[in-house]
């Protein structure tokens, strides 16, 4: 209350509180008991739904965690396969040139040392 800038900042809210207090002033009234029970059931329903949502969120987090682990494993496989494909592309590109070069070197070697 000390942090409020003006003294009567909560007058509207005080009116709502006073109205609710008058509604429930007579605890023996069946209408009041019915209202209280309805509100209690409503609160009970909201709390049950909230707890169910929290439990559902936990199972969803478990699913997300499992999916992320699967993605990590799949990405490692993909990385390895990408490296293999890259090496195979290099072999296909330079293997014929290397084979021709080795053949030329072997022919030159045989010609000058045995010929």
Protein backbone atom coordinates (compact mmCIF):
# COMPACT_ATOMS: atom_id res chain seq x y z
CA UNK A 1 0.00 0.00 0.00
CA UNK A 2 2.93 2.33 0.61
CA UNK A 3 3.98 2.12 -3.03
CA UNK A 4 0.62 3.38 -4.31
CA UNK A 5 0.82 6.91 -5.65
CA UNK A 6 -2.64 8.00 -4.67
CA UNK A 7 -4.54 7.11 -1.52
CA UNK A 8 -7.72 5.76 -3.11
CA UNK A 9 -6.21 3.74 -5.98
CA UNK A 10 -8.11 0.58 -5.06
CA UNK A 11 -11.60 1.99 -4.49
CA UNK A 12 -13.08 0.16 -7.51
CA UNK A 13 -11.56 -3.07 -6.33
CA UNK A 14 -12.83 -2.44 -2.80
CA UNK A 15 -16.34 -2.12 -4.18
CA UNK A 16 -16.02 -5.52 -5.86
CA UNK A 17 -14.75 -7.06 -2.64
CA UNK A 18 -17.60 -5.55 -0.62
CA UNK A 19 -20.17 -6.81 -3.15
CA UNK A 20 -18.76 -10.35 -2.99
CA UNK A 21 -18.68 -10.18 0.81
CA UNK A 22 -22.37 -9.24 0.89
CA UNK A 23 -23.20 -12.09 -1.50
CA UNK A 24 -21.68 -14.65 0.83
CA UNK A 25 -22.63 -13.00 4.14
CA UNK A 26 -25.29 -15.58 4.99
CA UNK A 27 -23.61 -19.02 4.99
CA UNK A 28 -26.93 -20.80 5.69
CA UNK A 29 -28.49 -19.67 2.41
CA UNK A 30 -28.86 -22.55 -0.07
CA UNK A 31 -28.19 -20.22 -3.01
CA UNK A 32 -24.90 -19.18 -1.42
CA UNK A 33 -23.97 -22.78 -0.73
CA UNK A 34 -24.78 -23.69 -4.32
CA UNK A 35 -22.64 -20.78 -5.59
CA UNK A 36 -19.78 -21.82 -3.31
CA UNK A 37 -20.02 -25.45 -4.47
CA UNK A 38 -20.17 -24.40 -8.12
CA UNK A 39 -17.14 -22.18 -7.69
CA UNK A 40 -15.31 -24.92 -5.79
CA UNK A 41 -16.05 -27.41 -8.57
CA UNK A 42 -14.91 -24.87 -11.14
CA UNK A 43 -11.65 -24.33 -9.27
CA UNK A 44 -11.27 -28.09 -8.86
CA UNK A 45 -11.78 -28.58 -12.61
CA UNK A 46 -9.26 -25.84 -13.45
CA UNK A 47 -6.66 -27.32 -11.09
CA UNK A 48 -7.19 -30.83 -12.50
CA UNK A 49 -6.79 -29.47 -16.04
CA UNK A 50 -3.64 -27.61 -15.01
CA UNK A 51 -2.13 -30.72 -13.43
CA UNK A 52 -3.03 -32.76 -16.53
CA UNK A 53 -1.40 -30.09 -18.71
CA UNK A 54 1.76 -30.19 -16.59
CA UNK A 55 1.90 -33.99 -16.82
CA UNK A 56 1.24 -33.84 -20.55
CA UNK A 57 3.99 -31.24 -20.91
CA UNK A 58 6.39 -33.64 -19.20
CA UNK A 59 5.57 -36.42 -21.66
CA UNK A 60 5.91 -33.97 -24.55
CA UNK A 61 9.32 -32.93 -23.23
CA UNK A 62 10.33 -36.59 -23.10
CA UNK A 63 9.21 -36.99 -26.72
CA UNK A 64 11.16 -33.89 -27.76
CA UNK A 65 14.23 -35.17 -25.91
CA UNK A 66 14.00 -38.55 -27.66
CA UNK A 67 13.52 -36.86 -31.03
CA UNK A 68 16.56 -34.65 -30.45
CA UNK A 69 18.67 -37.70 -29.58
CA UNK A 70 17.51 -39.39 -32.79
CA UNK A 71 18.37 -36.26 -34.76
CA UNK A 72 21.86 -36.18 -33.26
CA UNK A 73 22.43 -39.81 -34.22
CA UNK A 74 21.03 -39.28 -37.71
CA UNK A 75 23.16 -36.17 -38.21
CA UNK A 76 26.30 -38.15 -37.27
CA UNK A 77 25.36 -40.81 -39.83
CA UNK A 78 24.70 -38.13 -42.40
CA UNK A 79 28.07 -36.49 -41.71
CA UNK A 80 29.88 -39.81 -42.16
CA UNK A 81 27.99 -40.58 -45.36
CA UNK A 82 28.71 -37.10 -46.70
CA UNK A 83 32.44 -37.63 -46.09
CA UNK A 84 32.32 -40.99 -47.86
CA UNK A 85 30.50 -39.48 -50.84
CA UNK A 86 32.99 -36.64 -51.01
CA UNK A 87 35.91 -39.09 -51.06
CA UNK A 88 34.20 -41.20 -53.72
CA UNK A 89 33.71 -38.09 -55.87
CA UNK A 90 37.40 -37.24 -55.51
CA UNK A 91 38.38 -40.80 -56.44
CA UNK A 92 36.17 -40.72 -59.52
CA UNK A 93 37.55 -37.35 -60.53
CA UNK A 94 41.27 -37.98 -60.03
CA UNK A 95 41.62 -41.79 -60.17
CA UNK A 96 41.79 -41.96 -63.99
CA UNK A 97 44.45 -39.22 -64.08
CA UNK A 98 46.40 -40.95 -61.32
CA UNK A 99 46.18 -44.32 -63.10
CA UNK A 100 47.41 -42.82 -66.41
CA UNK A 101 50.21 -41.00 -64.58
CA UNK A 102 51.29 -44.19 -62.78
CA UNK A 103 51.21 -46.10 -66.08
CA UNK A 104 53.40 -43.46 -67.72
CA UNK A 105 55.85 -43.58 -64.81
CA UNK A 106 56.00 -47.39 -64.92
CA UNK A 107 56.58 -47.36 -68.72
CA UNK A 108 59.34 -44.77 -68.35
CA UNK A 109 60.88 -46.70 -65.47
CA UNK A 110 60.84 -49.98 -67.41
CA UNK A 111 62.12 -48.38 -70.61
CA UNK A 112 65.19 -46.71 -69.05
CA UNK A 113 66.15 -49.38 -66.52
CA UNK A 114 65.42 -52.53 -68.53
CA UNK A 115 65.70 -51.23 -72.07
